[in-house]
Amino acid sequence: MQETEPGVPADLPAESDPAALERLAARYRRDGYVHVPGVLDAGEVAEYLAEARRLLAHEESVRWGSGAGTVMDYVADAQLGSDTMRRLATHPRIAALAEYLAGSPLRLFKLEVLLKENKEKDASVPTAPHHDAFAFPFSTAGTALTAWVALVDVPVERGCMTFVPGSHLLPDPDTGDEPWAGAFTRPGEIWMPRVTVPLRAGDCTFHHARTVHSAGANSTDEPRLSTSAVYMDATAAYRPTGIAFLDDLPGTGADPLREGAPLTGDRFPLLRRPQTRQPAPARYPLPQQGHGS
C-alpha cells in the first residue's frame, strides 16, 4: 500500500513548545522519518538555491546513473568548499531539530547538493528503495539521520521521497556483497505501507539511517534541487564500509584515517556548542526565526 501524506502535519513544533517537540520526536521514533514544513523562510530559500545552482554549474559533480537514465547529479561534501552550504548544514533550526530527534549531541558528517534534471534535459529515473546505514563509514551509522531540504517545490511528479514507516526498527538485512539490495528483503517488509511526502520549498524531512526510502523520477519541466545533510552522534569514530568511494573522506588530511579514529574537529563540527544545550533533550528550545535572531 502506498499513500501520499495528507497535507501539512497538524502538530508542527512551535518555538519553545516542548509538548509539540515531543510529539514530533515520538513520531520520528515510531516511523523513522518526519516532515517539518517551513524550516527555511523565503529569503533563506533564495540564498541557498542560488548557491546550489552556482555549485552545480561551476564545481565538480558526480553523476549517479543507471542503464535507463540518470538518478541524479550531486556535489559531494559541498560544505567543505562553500561557506553558504556549511551555514545551511549547521542552520540553528535544523540543528536543534536534528539533536532533539536524535536525543543526543550530533556532528555534521557531510552535505550534498542534489539535482534531478527535468524531463526535457535528461532521462530522469527513480531512486531505488534503500536505506543509508550501509553507506556511512562511522561507528554510529545505525543511528545517524539525514535532513533533506527542498530548495524548490517538490510535488510527487518532481521526484519527492517515499518512506516505509517503521522499517528502521526491522532487523539488519542480509545483503552480502550487494548492500543496495537491502530493501524489501526481510519477512513482511514488502507489505509494509509506504508514504509519499511532497514538499514545498523550505520544507525539510528528517529520516533515520535505517529507514527504507526512495524517490520518483522528475517528470516535470523544472529541475528538482535540494540538499541532503547527514548527522552522526558526537562520539562517532571512523569505521570503513569496505566500499572505496564511501570510505575516502576528503578534508581529513594527507594520511589515511585509521579505523577507530574519532571524527572530530572543524571537519566534523558539533552542530551546537555545549553551552547552548539544555541538560535534557526534552528541554531543547527551538531557535527563533532566521539566523542569529
C-alpha atoms as a PDB file:
ATOM      1  CA  MET A   1       0.000   0.000   0.000  1.00  0.00           C
ATOM      2  CA  GLN A   2       1.303   3.453  -0.933  1.00  0.00           C
ATOM      3  CA  GLU A   3      -0.247   6.725   0.149  1.00  0.00           C
ATOM      4  CA  THR A   4       0.574  10.408  -0.071  1.00  0.00           C
ATOM      5  CA  GLU A   5       0.987  12.398   3.123  1.00  0.00           C
ATOM      6  CA  PRO A   6      -2.293  14.272   3.670  1.00  0.00           C
ATOM      7  CA  GLY A   7      -1.146  17.880   3.651  1.00  0.00           C
ATOM      8  CA  VAL A   8       0.838  19.648   6.337  1.00  0.00           C
ATOM      9  CA  PRO A   9       1.078  17.832   9.687  1.00  0.00           C
ATOM     10  CA  ALA A  10      -1.170  19.424  12.290  1.00  0.00           C
ATOM     11  CA  ASP A  11       1.257  19.337  15.209  1.00  0.00           C
ATOM     12  CA  LEU A  12       4.225  21.315  13.920  1.00  0.00           C
ATOM     13  CA  PRO A  13       6.806  22.211  16.567  1.00  0.00           C
ATOM     14  CA  ALA A  14       6.176  25.729  17.808  1.00  0.00           C
ATOM     15  CA  GLU A  15       9.148  27.634  19.160  1.00  0.00           C
ATOM     16  CA  SER A  16       9.852  26.760  22.792  1.00  0.00           C
ATOM     17  CA  ASP A  17       6.958  24.274  22.838  1.00  0.00           C
ATOM     18  CA  PRO A  18       8.268  21.082  24.498  1.00  0.00           C
ATOM     19  CA  ALA A  19       4.975  19.234  24.051  1.00  0.00           C
ATOM     20  CA  ALA A  20       4.953  19.809  20.281  1.00  0.00           C
ATOM     21  CA  LEU A  21       8.612  18.854  20.048  1.00  0.00           C
ATOM     22  CA  GLU A  22       7.980  15.641  21.937  1.00  0.00           C
ATOM     23  CA  ARG A  23       5.098  14.752  19.613  1.00  0.00           C
ATOM     24  CA  LEU A  24       7.440  15.243  16.655  1.00  0.00           C
ATOM     25  CA  ALA A  25      10.139  13.118  18.301  1.00  0.00           C
ATOM     26  CA  ALA A  26       7.631  10.374  19.127  1.00  0.00           C
ATOM     27  CA  ARG A  27       6.548  10.278  15.502  1.00  0.00           C
ATOM     28  CA  TYR A  28      10.193  10.052  14.427  1.00  0.00           C
ATOM     29  CA  ARG A  29      10.856   7.189  16.839  1.00  0.00           C
ATOM     30  CA  ARG A  30       7.766   5.361  15.587  1.00  0.00           C
ATOM     31  CA  ASP A  31       8.030   5.978  11.825  1.00  0.00           C
ATOM     32  CA  GLY A  32      11.735   6.667  11.231  1.00  0.00           C
ATOM     33  CA  TYR A  33      11.014   9.957   9.456  1.00  0.00           C
ATOM     34  CA  VAL A  34       9.206  13.283   9.964  1.00  0.00           C
ATOM     35  CA  HIS A  35       8.180  16.158   7.690  1.00  0.00           C
ATOM     36  CA  VAL A  36       8.762  19.670   9.064  1.00  0.00           C
ATOM     37  CA  PRO A  37       7.277  22.413   6.862  1.00  0.00           C
ATOM     38  CA  GLY A  38       8.789  25.884   6.640  1.00  0.00           C
ATOM     39  CA  VAL A  39      12.177  25.252   8.211  1.00  0.00           C
ATOM     40  CA  LEU A  40      13.609  27.916   5.883  1.00  0.00           C
ATOM     41  CA  ASP A  41      11.925  31.229   5.103  1.00  0.00           C
ATOM     42  CA  ALA A  42      11.643  32.609   1.560  1.00  0.00           C
ATOM     43  CA  GLY A  43      14.808  34.704   1.812  1.00  0.00           C
ATOM     44  CA  GLU A  44      16.853  31.750   3.035  1.00  0.00           C
ATOM     45  CA  VAL A  45      15.476  29.507   0.291  1.00  0.00           C
ATOM     46  CA  ALA A  46      16.513  32.069  -2.338  1.00  0.00           C
ATOM     47  CA  GLU A  47      20.040  32.326  -0.894  1.00  0.00           C
ATOM     48  CA  TYR A  48      20.632  28.580  -0.693  1.00  0.00           C
ATOM     49  CA  LEU A  49      19.031  27.911  -4.075  1.00  0.00           C
ATOM     50  CA  ALA A  50      21.324  30.438  -5.749  1.00  0.00           C
ATOM     51  CA  GLU A  51      24.363  28.803  -4.121  1.00  0.00           C
ATOM     52  CA  ALA A  52      23.189  25.330  -5.128  1.00  0.00           C
ATOM     53  CA  ARG A  53      22.877  26.441  -8.745  1.00  0.00           C
ATOM     54  CA  ARG A  54      26.334  28.039  -8.607  1.00  0.00           C
ATOM     55  CA  LEU A  55      27.949  24.903  -7.229  1.00  0.00           C
ATOM     56  CA  LEU A  56      26.282  22.643  -9.784  1.00  0.00           C
ATOM     57  CA  ALA A  57      27.386  24.949 -12.614  1.00  0.00           C
ATOM     58  CA  HIS A  58      30.987  25.529 -11.521  1.00  0.00           C
ATOM     59  CA  GLU A  59      32.104  22.736  -9.176  1.00  0.00           C
ATOM     60  CA  GLU A  60      32.795  19.083  -9.894  1.00  0.00           C
ATOM     61  CA  SER A  61      29.672  16.983  -9.618  1.00  0.00           C
ATOM     62  CA  VAL A  62      29.023  13.256  -9.592  1.00  0.00           C
ATOM     63  CA  ARG A  63      26.503  11.589 -11.883  1.00  0.00           C
ATOM     64  CA  TRP A  64      24.540   8.733 -10.381  1.00  0.00           C
ATOM     65  CA  GLY A  65      23.172   6.875 -13.343  1.00  0.00           C
ATOM     66  CA  SER A  66      21.660   3.646 -14.436  1.00  0.00           C
ATOM     67  CA  GLY A  67      21.265   1.946 -17.780  1.00  0.00           C
ATOM     68  CA  ALA A  68      17.938   3.684 -18.321  1.00  0.00           C
ATOM     69  CA  GLY A  69      18.925   7.226 -17.382  1.00  0.00           C
ATOM     70  CA  THR A  70      20.135   9.467 -14.573  1.00  0.00           C
ATOM     71  CA  VAL A  71      19.046   9.104 -10.967  1.00  0.00           C
ATOM     72  CA  MET A  72      20.624  12.440 -10.029  1.00  0.00           C
ATOM     73  CA  ASP A  73      23.715  14.629 -10.167  1.00  0.00           C
ATOM     74  CA  TYR A  74      25.226  15.809  -6.912  1.00  0.00           C
ATOM     75  CA  VAL A  75      28.032  17.919  -5.478  1.00  0.00           C
ATOM     76  CA  ALA A  76      29.606  15.833  -2.712  1.00  0.00           C
ATOM     77  CA  ASP A  77      30.767  17.384   0.575  1.00  0.00           C
ATOM     78  CA  ALA A  78      29.567  20.793  -0.560  1.00  0.00           C
ATOM     79  CA  GLN A  79      30.066  22.186   2.960  1.00  0.00           C
ATOM     80  CA  LEU A  80      33.872  21.944   2.519  1.00  0.00           C
ATOM     81  CA  GLY A  81      34.031  24.422  -0.365  1.00  0.00           C
ATOM     82  CA  SER A  82      31.036  26.627   0.351  1.00  0.00           C
ATOM     83  CA  ASP A  83      30.569  28.683   3.491  1.00  0.00           C
ATOM     84  CA  THR A  84      26.935  29.152   2.489  1.00  0.00           C
ATOM     85  CA  MET A  85      26.301  25.418   2.412  1.00  0.00           C
ATOM     86  CA  ARG A  86      28.151  24.956   5.693  1.00  0.00           C
ATOM     87  CA  ARG A  87      25.760  27.501   7.217  1.00  0.00           C
ATOM     88  CA  LEU A  88      22.808  25.551   5.851  1.00  0.00           C
ATOM     89  CA  ALA A  89      24.197  22.269   7.204  1.00  0.00           C
ATOM     90  CA  THR A  90      24.534  23.805  10.683  1.00  0.00           C
ATOM     91  CA  HIS A  91      21.463  26.041  10.465  1.00  0.00           C
ATOM     92  CA  PRO A  92      20.227  26.651  14.025  1.00  0.00           C
ATOM     93  CA  ARG A  93      16.668  25.460  13.412  1.00  0.00           C
ATOM     94  CA  ILE A  94      17.792  22.315  11.589  1.00  0.00           C
ATOM     95  CA  ALA A  95      20.498  21.648  14.194  1.00  0.00           C
ATOM     96  CA  ALA A  96      18.075  21.977  17.109  1.00  0.00           C
ATOM     97  CA  LEU A  97      15.515  19.692  15.475  1.00  0.00           C
ATOM     98  CA  ALA A  98      18.122  17.097  14.491  1.00  0.00           C
ATOM     99  CA  GLU A  99      19.539  16.877  18.009  1.00  0.00           C
ATOM    100  CA  TYR A 100      16.091  16.739  19.531  1.00  0.00           C
ATOM    101  CA  LEU A 101      15.066  13.871  17.254  1.00  0.00           C
ATOM    102  CA  ALA A 102      18.332  12.005  17.834  1.00  0.00           C
ATOM    103  CA  GLY A 103      18.242  12.612  21.580  1.00  0.00           C
ATOM    104  CA  SER A 104      21.989  13.274  21.725  1.00  0.00           C
ATOM    105  CA  PRO A 105      24.615  15.787  20.572  1.00  0.00           C
ATOM    106  CA  LEU A 106      25.474  15.486  16.880  1.00  0.00           C
ATOM    107  CA  ARG A 107      28.249  16.306  14.433  1.00  0.00           C
ATOM    108  CA  LEU A 108      27.944  17.157  10.765  1.00  0.00           C
ATOM    109  CA  PHE A 109      29.241  14.368   8.538  1.00  0.00           C
ATOM    110  CA  LYS A 110      28.513  15.827   5.101  1.00  0.00           C
ATOM    111  CA  LEU A 111      26.157  17.855   2.953  1.00  0.00           C
ATOM    112  CA  GLU A 112      25.376  17.108  -0.684  1.00  0.00           C
ATOM    113  CA  VAL A 113      23.670  19.352  -3.233  1.00  0.00           C
ATOM    114  CA  LEU A 114      21.276  17.225  -5.286  1.00  0.00           C
ATOM    115  CA  LEU A 115      19.868  17.742  -8.788  1.00  0.00           C
ATOM    116  CA  LYS A 116      17.219  15.685 -10.560  1.00  0.00           C
ATOM    117  CA  GLU A 117      17.002  17.224 -14.011  1.00  0.00           C
ATOM    118  CA  ASN A 118      13.727  17.969 -15.756  1.00  0.00           C
ATOM    119  CA  LYS A 119      12.293  15.627 -18.349  1.00  0.00           C
ATOM    120  CA  GLU A 120      13.345  17.801 -21.307  1.00  0.00           C
ATOM    121  CA  LYS A 121      17.037  17.882 -20.368  1.00  0.00           C
ATOM    122  CA  ASP A 122      17.692  14.365 -19.117  1.00  0.00           C
ATOM    123  CA  ALA A 123      16.178  10.914 -18.844  1.00  0.00           C
ATOM    124  CA  SER A 124      15.308  11.071 -15.156  1.00  0.00           C
ATOM    125  CA  VAL A 125      14.799   7.717 -13.441  1.00  0.00           C
ATOM    126  CA  PRO A 126      13.633   6.889  -9.907  1.00  0.00           C
ATOM    127  CA  THR A 127      15.925   6.461  -6.924  1.00  0.00           C
ATOM    128  CA  ALA A 128      15.637   2.793  -5.963  1.00  0.00           C
ATOM    129  CA  PRO A 129      14.434   1.880  -2.453  1.00  0.00           C
ATOM    130  CA  HIS A 130      17.322   1.659   0.014  1.00  0.00           C
ATOM    131  CA  HIS A 131      18.445   2.570   3.499  1.00  0.00           C
ATOM    132  CA  ASP A 132      21.541   4.680   4.232  1.00  0.00           C
ATOM    133  CA  ALA A 133      23.291   2.988   7.137  1.00  0.00           C
ATOM    134  CA  PHE A 134      25.485   0.754   4.969  1.00  0.00           C
ATOM    135  CA  ALA A 135      26.938   3.811   3.228  1.00  0.00           C
ATOM    136  CA  PHE A 136      28.206   5.683   6.299  1.00  0.00           C
ATOM    137  CA  PRO A 137      31.801   4.927   7.339  1.00  0.00           C
ATOM    138  CA  PHE A 138      31.419   5.652  11.034  1.00  0.00           C
ATOM    139  CA  SER A 139      30.689   3.646  14.141  1.00  0.00           C
ATOM    140  CA  THR A 140      27.261   5.123  14.882  1.00  0.00           C
ATOM    141  CA  ALA A 141      25.891   4.673  11.340  1.00  0.00           C
ATOM    142  CA  GLY A 142      22.882   2.768  12.667  1.00  0.00           C
ATOM    143  CA  THR A 143      21.578   5.853  14.495  1.00  0.00           C
ATOM    144  CA  ALA A 144      22.555   8.606  12.046  1.00  0.00           C
ATOM    145  CA  LEU A 145      19.922  10.827  10.475  1.00  0.00           C
ATOM    146  CA  THR A 146      19.591  12.895   7.321  1.00  0.00           C
ATOM    147  CA  ALA A 147      17.970  16.309   6.849  1.00  0.00           C
ATOM    148  CA  TRP A 148      16.658  16.629   3.284  1.00  0.00           C
ATOM    149  CA  VAL A 149      15.792  20.251   2.433  1.00  0.00           C
ATOM    150  CA  ALA A 150      13.720  21.193  -0.615  1.00  0.00           C
ATOM    151  CA  LEU A 151      15.050  24.304  -2.381  1.00  0.00           C
ATOM    152  CA  VAL A 152      12.187  24.253  -4.901  1.00  0.00           C
ATOM    153  CA  ASP A 153       8.685  22.872  -4.677  1.00  0.00           C
ATOM    154  CA  VAL A 154       8.876  19.077  -4.939  1.00  0.00           C
ATOM    155  CA  PRO A 155       5.485  17.574  -5.766  1.00  0.00           C
ATOM    156  CA  VAL A 156       5.127  13.878  -6.478  1.00  0.00           C
ATOM    157  CA  GLU A 157       5.789  14.447 -10.184  1.00  0.00           C
ATOM    158  CA  ARG A 158       9.144  16.142  -9.479  1.00  0.00           C
ATOM    159  CA  GLY A 159      10.568  13.182  -7.578  1.00  0.00           C
ATOM    160  CA  CYS A 160       9.701  13.644  -3.917  1.00  0.00           C
ATOM    161  CA  MET A 161      10.626  10.931  -1.450  1.00  0.00           C
ATOM    162  CA  THR A 162       8.646   7.933  -0.290  1.00  0.00           C
ATOM    163  CA  PHE A 163       9.298   6.349   3.116  1.00  0.00           C
ATOM    164  CA  VAL A 164       8.466   2.966   4.644  1.00  0.00           C
ATOM    165  CA  PRO A 165       7.327   3.879   8.177  1.00  0.00           C
ATOM    166  CA  GLY A 166       8.747   1.608  10.853  1.00  0.00           C
ATOM    167  CA  SER A 167      11.346  -0.007   8.603  1.00  0.00           C
ATOM    168  CA  HIS A 168      14.131   1.430  10.788  1.00  0.00           C
ATOM    169  CA  LEU A 169      13.002  -0.966  13.549  1.00  0.00           C
ATOM    170  CA  LEU A 170      13.452  -4.117  11.461  1.00  0.00           C
ATOM    171  CA  PRO A 171      16.493  -6.406  11.867  1.00  0.00           C
ATOM    172  CA  ASP A 172      19.516  -5.728   9.684  1.00  0.00           C
ATOM    173  CA  PRO A 173      19.049  -7.128   6.165  1.00  0.00           C
ATOM    174  CA  ASP A 174      21.361  -9.857   4.923  1.00  0.00           C
ATOM    175  CA  THR A 175      22.724  -8.153   1.811  1.00  0.00           C
ATOM    176  CA  GLY A 176      26.029  -9.967   1.330  1.00  0.00           C
ATOM    177  CA  ASP A 177      28.062  -8.155  -1.311  1.00  0.00           C
ATOM    178  CA  GLU A 178      25.062  -6.136  -2.513  1.00  0.00           C
ATOM    179  CA  PRO A 179      24.264  -3.520   0.147  1.00  0.00           C
ATOM    180  CA  TRP A 180      21.809  -1.754  -2.137  1.00  0.00           C
ATOM    181  CA  ALA A 181      19.742  -4.944  -2.184  1.00  0.00           C
ATOM    182  CA  GLY A 182      18.725  -4.497   1.461  1.00  0.00           C
ATOM    183  CA  ALA A 183      15.272  -3.013   0.824  1.00  0.00           C
ATOM    184  CA  PHE A 184      12.292  -5.353   0.865  1.00  0.00           C
ATOM    185  CA  THR A 185      14.308  -8.482   1.664  1.00  0.00           C
ATOM    186  CA  ARG A 186      13.055  -9.031   5.217  1.00  0.00           C
ATOM    187  CA  PRO A 187       9.918 -11.054   6.049  1.00  0.00           C
ATOM    188  CA  GLY A 188       6.775  -8.994   5.632  1.00  0.00           C
ATOM    189  CA  GLU A 189       8.649  -5.843   4.603  1.00  0.00           C
ATOM    190  CA  ILE A 190       7.276  -5.817   1.068  1.00  0.00           C
ATOM    191  CA  TRP A 191       3.743  -5.460   2.521  1.00  0.00           C
ATOM    192  CA  MET A 192       4.509  -2.523   4.807  1.00  0.00           C
ATOM    193  CA  PRO A 193       2.718   0.743   3.871  1.00  0.00           C
ATOM    194  CA  ARG A 194       4.709   3.398   2.017  1.00  0.00           C
ATOM    195  CA  VAL A 195       4.123   7.119   2.423  1.00  0.00           C
ATOM    196  CA  THR A 196       4.995   9.660  -0.279  1.00  0.00           C
ATOM    197  CA  VAL A 197       5.827  13.139   1.037  1.00  0.00           C
ATOM    198  CA  PRO A 198       5.614  16.127  -1.357  1.00  0.00           C
ATOM    199  CA  LEU A 199       7.455  19.213  -0.096  1.00  0.00           C
ATOM    200  CA  ARG A 200       7.233  22.954  -0.625  1.00  0.00           C
ATOM    201  CA  ALA A 201      10.428  24.976  -0.981  1.00  0.00           C
ATOM    202  CA  GLY A 202      11.873  25.427   2.516  1.00  0.00           C
ATOM    203  CA  ASP A 203      10.337  22.247   3.905  1.00  0.00           C
ATOM    204  CA  CYS A 204      12.544  19.563   5.399  1.00  0.00           C
ATOM    205  CA  THR A 205      12.315  15.860   6.114  1.00  0.00           C
ATOM    206  CA  PHE A 206      14.453  14.051   8.653  1.00  0.00           C
ATOM    207  CA  HIS A 207      14.917  10.322   8.222  1.00  0.00           C
ATOM    208  CA  HIS A 208      16.721   7.657  10.211  1.00  0.00           C
ATOM    209  CA  ALA A 209      19.692   5.925   8.555  1.00  0.00           C
ATOM    210  CA  ARG A 210      17.864   2.584   8.698  1.00  0.00           C
ATOM    211  CA  THR A 211      14.578   3.838   7.211  1.00  0.00           C
ATOM    212  CA  VAL A 212      13.869   2.472   3.738  1.00  0.00           C
ATOM    213  CA  HIS A 213      13.163   5.300   1.310  1.00  0.00           C
ATOM    214  CA  SER A 214      13.083   6.039  -2.401  1.00  0.00           C
ATOM    215  CA  ALA A 215      12.262   8.872  -4.794  1.00  0.00           C
ATOM    216  CA  GLY A 216      10.411   9.097  -8.070  1.00  0.00           C
ATOM    217  CA  ALA A 217      11.658  10.338 -11.415  1.00  0.00           C
ATOM    218  CA  ASN A 218      11.309  14.011 -12.332  1.00  0.00           C
ATOM    219  CA  SER A 219       8.614  14.158 -14.997  1.00  0.00           C
ATOM    220  CA  THR A 220       8.108  17.940 -14.795  1.00  0.00           C
ATOM    221  CA  ASP A 221       9.572  20.796 -16.824  1.00  0.00           C
ATOM    222  CA  GLU A 222      11.640  22.125 -13.900  1.00  0.00           C
ATOM    223  CA  PRO A 223      14.705  20.606 -12.176  1.00  0.00           C
ATOM    224  CA  ARG A 224      14.450  19.277  -8.637  1.00  0.00           C
ATOM    225  CA  LEU A 225      17.034  20.967  -6.397  1.00  0.00           C
ATOM    226  CA  SER A 226      17.611  20.000  -2.777  1.00  0.00           C
ATOM    227  CA  THR A 227      20.276  19.360  -0.175  1.00  0.00           C
ATOM    228  CA  SER A 228      20.939  16.315   1.955  1.00  0.00           C
ATOM    229  CA  ALA A 229      22.884  16.720   5.203  1.00  0.00           C
ATOM    230  CA  VAL A 230      23.974  13.706   7.254  1.00  0.00           C
ATOM    231  CA  TYR A 231      24.453  13.979  11.021  1.00  0.00           C
ATOM    232  CA  MET A 232      26.182  11.466  13.293  1.00  0.00           C
ATOM    233  CA  ASP A 233      26.500  11.022  17.033  1.00  0.00           C
ATOM    234  CA  ALA A 234      29.138  13.313  18.531  1.00  0.00           C
ATOM    235  CA  THR A 235      31.121  10.253  19.692  1.00  0.00           C
ATOM    236  CA  ALA A 236      31.342   8.660  16.224  1.00  0.00           C
ATOM    237  CA  ALA A 237      34.627   7.087  15.111  1.00  0.00           C
ATOM    238  CA  TYR A 238      35.826   6.096  11.654  1.00  0.00           C
ATOM    239  CA  ARG A 239      34.697   2.624  10.617  1.00  0.00           C
ATOM    240  CA  PRO A 240      35.222   1.874   6.915  1.00  0.00           C
ATOM    241  CA  THR A 241      32.438   0.222   4.957  1.00  0.00           C
ATOM    242  CA  GLY A 242      34.780  -1.612   2.601  1.00  0.00           C
ATOM    243  CA  ILE A 243      33.451   0.415  -0.343  1.00  0.00           C
ATOM    244  CA  ALA A 244      36.324   2.601  -1.515  1.00  0.00           C
ATOM    245  CA  PHE A 245      34.477   5.710  -2.684  1.00  0.00           C
ATOM    246  CA  LEU A 246      32.407   5.795   0.511  1.00  0.00           C
ATOM    247  CA  ASP A 247      35.449   5.384   2.772  1.00  0.00           C
ATOM    248  CA  ASP A 248      37.520   8.147   1.151  1.00  0.00           C
ATOM    249  CA  LEU A 249      36.697  11.224   3.230  1.00  0.00           C
ATOM    250  CA  PRO A 250      38.012  14.491   1.745  1.00  0.00           C
ATOM    251  CA  GLY A 251      39.315  17.132   4.086  1.00  0.00           C
ATOM    252  CA  THR A 252      40.721  14.721   6.678  1.00  0.00           C
ATOM    253  CA  GLY A 253      44.412  15.250   5.879  1.00  0.00           C
ATOM    254  CA  ALA A 254      47.081  13.559   3.820  1.00  0.00           C
ATOM    255  CA  ASP A 255      47.340  10.422   5.940  1.00  0.00           C
ATOM    256  CA  PRO A 256      44.580   7.803   5.633  1.00  0.00           C
ATOM    257  CA  LEU A 257      42.210   7.590   8.559  1.00  0.00           C
ATOM    258  CA  ARG A 258      42.681   4.563  10.776  1.00  0.00           C
ATOM    259  CA  GLU A 259      39.716   2.537  11.939  1.00  0.00           C
ATOM    260  CA  GLY A 260      38.586   3.816  15.320  1.00  0.00           C
ATOM    261  CA  ALA A 261      39.898   7.359  14.773  1.00  0.00           C
ATOM    262  CA  PRO A 262      37.491   9.912  16.273  1.00  0.00           C
ATOM    263  CA  LEU A 263      35.679  12.082  13.727  1.00  0.00           C
ATOM    264  CA  THR A 264      36.030  15.481  15.370  1.00  0.00           C
ATOM    265  CA  GLY A 265      37.358  18.981  14.807  1.00  0.00           C
ATOM    266  CA  ASP A 266      36.411  21.554  12.219  1.00  0.00           C
ATOM    267  CA  ARG A 267      35.959  18.891   9.519  1.00  0.00           C
ATOM    268  CA  PHE A 268      33.187  17.263  11.556  1.00  0.00           C
ATOM    269  CA  PRO A 269      31.829  20.151  13.639  1.00  0.00           C
ATOM    270  CA  LEU A 270      29.441  19.854  16.530  1.00  0.00           C
ATOM    271  CA  LEU A 271      26.040  21.156  15.474  1.00  0.00           C
ATOM    272  CA  ARG A 272      25.706  23.282  18.586  1.00  0.00           C
ATOM    273  CA  ARG A 273      28.152  24.493  21.204  1.00  0.00           C
ATOM    274  CA  PRO A 274      27.780  22.641  24.524  1.00  0.00           C
ATOM    275  CA  GLN A 275      26.834  25.820  26.356  1.00  0.00           C
ATOM    276  CA  THR A 276      23.800  26.290  24.058  1.00  0.00           C
ATOM    277  CA  ARG A 277      22.340  22.912  25.028  1.00  0.00           C
ATOM    278  CA  GLN A 278      19.928  22.261  27.838  1.00  0.00           C
ATOM    279  CA  PRO A 279      20.751  19.295  30.126  1.00  0.00           C
ATOM    280  CA  ALA A 280      17.999  17.074  28.667  1.00  0.00           C
ATOM    281  CA  PRO A 281      16.774  16.841  25.070  1.00  0.00           C
ATOM    282  CA  ALA A 282      13.162  17.316  26.190  1.00  0.00           C
ATOM    283  CA  ARG A 283      14.041  20.893  27.203  1.00  0.00           C
ATOM    284  CA  TYR A 284      15.808  21.915  23.972  1.00  0.00           C
ATOM    285  CA  PRO A 285      14.285  25.201  22.789  1.00  0.00           C
ATOM    286  CA  LEU A 286      13.834  25.840  19.099  1.00  0.00           C
ATOM    287  CA  PRO A 287      15.785  28.892  17.870  1.00  0.00           C
ATOM    288  CA  GLN A 288      13.887  31.984  16.740  1.00  0.00           C
ATOM    289  CA  GLN A 289      13.212  32.515  13.051  1.00  0.00           C
ATOM    290  CA  GLY A 290      16.280  33.377  10.997  1.00  0.00           C
ATOM    291  CA  HIS A 291      19.998  33.101  11.630  1.00  0.00           C
ATOM    292  CA  GLY A 292      21.181  34.566  14.910  1.00  0.00           C
ATOM    293  CA  SER A 293      17.784  36.046  15.802  1.00  0.00           C
END
